[in-house]
Protein backbone atom coordinates (compact mmCIF):
# COMPACT_ATOMS: atom_id res chain seq x y z
CA UNK A 1 0.27 0.11 0.49
CA UNK A 2 1.28 3.14 -1.36
CA UNK A 3 0.59 6.90 -1.73
CA UNK A 4 0.68 7.91 -4.81
CA UNK A 5 1.81 12.01 -5.96
CA UNK A 6 0.67 12.51 -9.04
CA UNK A 7 -0.10 15.70 -11.32
CA UNK A 8 -3.82 16.18 -12.42
CA UNK A 9 -4.78 17.02 -16.17
CA UNK A 10 -6.84 20.98 -16.23
CA UNK A 11 -10.00 18.76 -16.04
CA UNK A 12 -9.68 16.66 -13.21
CA UNK A 13 -8.08 20.06 -11.64
CA UNK A 14 -12.21 21.52 -12.25
CA UNK A 15 -12.84 18.09 -10.62
CA UNK A 16 -11.86 18.54 -7.59
CA UNK A 17 -12.47 21.61 -7.26
CA UNK A 18 -15.52 21.16 -6.32
CA UNK A 19 -14.84 18.56 -3.53
CA UNK A 20 -14.45 19.56 0.49
CA UNK A 21 -11.62 21.63 1.46
CA UNK A 22 -9.97 20.89 4.80
CA UNK A 23 -7.20 23.50 6.04
CA UNK A 24 -4.69 22.87 8.47
CA UNK A 25 -1.88 25.28 10.29
CA UNK A 26 1.71 24.02 10.91
CA UNK A 27 1.96 20.95 13.14
CA UNK A 28 2.45 17.81 12.95
CA UNK A 29 -0.07 14.39 13.75
CA UNK A 30 -0.82 10.63 13.04
CA UNK A 31 -3.42 10.35 10.84
CA UNK A 32 -5.36 6.69 10.33
CA UNK A 33 -7.28 6.39 6.87
CA UNK A 34 -10.44 4.13 7.77
CA UNK A 35 -11.25 4.70 3.78
CA UNK A 36 -8.74 5.88 0.58
CA UNK A 37 -9.18 9.87 0.68
CA UNK A 38 -7.85 11.45 -2.34
CA UNK A 39 -6.68 15.28 -2.07
CA UNK A 40 -5.27 18.19 -4.02
CA UNK A 41 -2.95 20.54 -2.59
CA UNK A 42 -4.11 23.84 -3.62
CA UNK A 43 -1.54 25.71 -0.83
CA UNK A 44 0.41 24.19 1.78
CA UNK A 45 4.07 22.04 2.16
CA UNK A 46 3.51 18.23 3.94
CA UNK A 47 5.74 15.91 4.24
CA UNK A 48 3.67 12.56 5.02
CA UNK A 49 5.81 9.44 7.13
CA UNK A 50 4.72 5.75 6.28
CA UNK A 51 4.84 3.02 9.27
CA UNK A 52 7.48 1.37 7.29
CA UNK A 53 9.44 5.14 6.94
CA UNK A 54 8.63 5.95 3.39
CA UNK A 55 9.13 9.84 3.09
CA UNK A 56 6.54 11.22 0.66
CA UNK A 57 6.46 15.39 0.38
CA UNK A 58 3.96 16.88 -1.70
CA UNK A 59 2.39 20.34 -2.11
CA UNK A 60 0.34 23.02 -4.31
CA UNK A 61 -1.35 21.21 -7.26
CA UNK A 62 -0.52 17.62 -6.78
CA UNK A 63 -3.16 14.95 -6.11
CA UNK A 64 -2.47 12.67 -3.40
CA UNK A 65 -3.84 9.56 -2.84
CA UNK A 66 -3.51 7.43 0.42
CA UNK A 67 -5.23 3.59 0.93
CA UNK A 68 -7.26 2.89 3.58
CA UNK A 69 -5.83 0.83 6.71
CA UNK A 70 -2.69 2.91 7.39
CA UNK A 71 -2.29 5.51 9.97
CA UNK A 72 0.47 8.41 8.87
CA UNK A 73 2.24 11.12 10.13
CA UNK A 74 1.77 13.92 8.72
CA UNK A 75 4.25 17.14 8.87
CA UNK A 76 2.62 20.29 7.72
CA UNK A 77 5.48 22.64 6.74
CA UNK A 78 3.14 25.64 5.39
CA UNK A 79 -0.75 25.80 5.94
CA UNK A 80 -2.49 23.26 4.20
CA UNK A 81 -5.77 24.18 1.73
CA UNK A 82 -6.92 20.83 -0.04
CA UNK A 83 -9.63 19.74 -1.45
CA UNK A 84 -10.24 16.10 -0.85
CA UNK A 85 -12.20 13.24 -1.65
CA UNK A 86 -12.49 9.55 1.15
CA UNK A 87 -13.73 6.59 0.01
């Protein structure tokens, strides 16, 4: 189970911008995903560490997919605003 980071097409971005938004200040916290999440980062910089030590960084313009069933450590380096979809 791996986190994927992609650069979406303009059509995909238009769809993702209709999803709900989530904001977070600079912080470090653990987050567990019961269901998969796909998000589109509008602002901010994040580094996520997986339980097995994989480090994934992403920023504005990235579409990120998190698989269900794992807990990740989020390190928000710059305040985040993202659109997200669960499931």
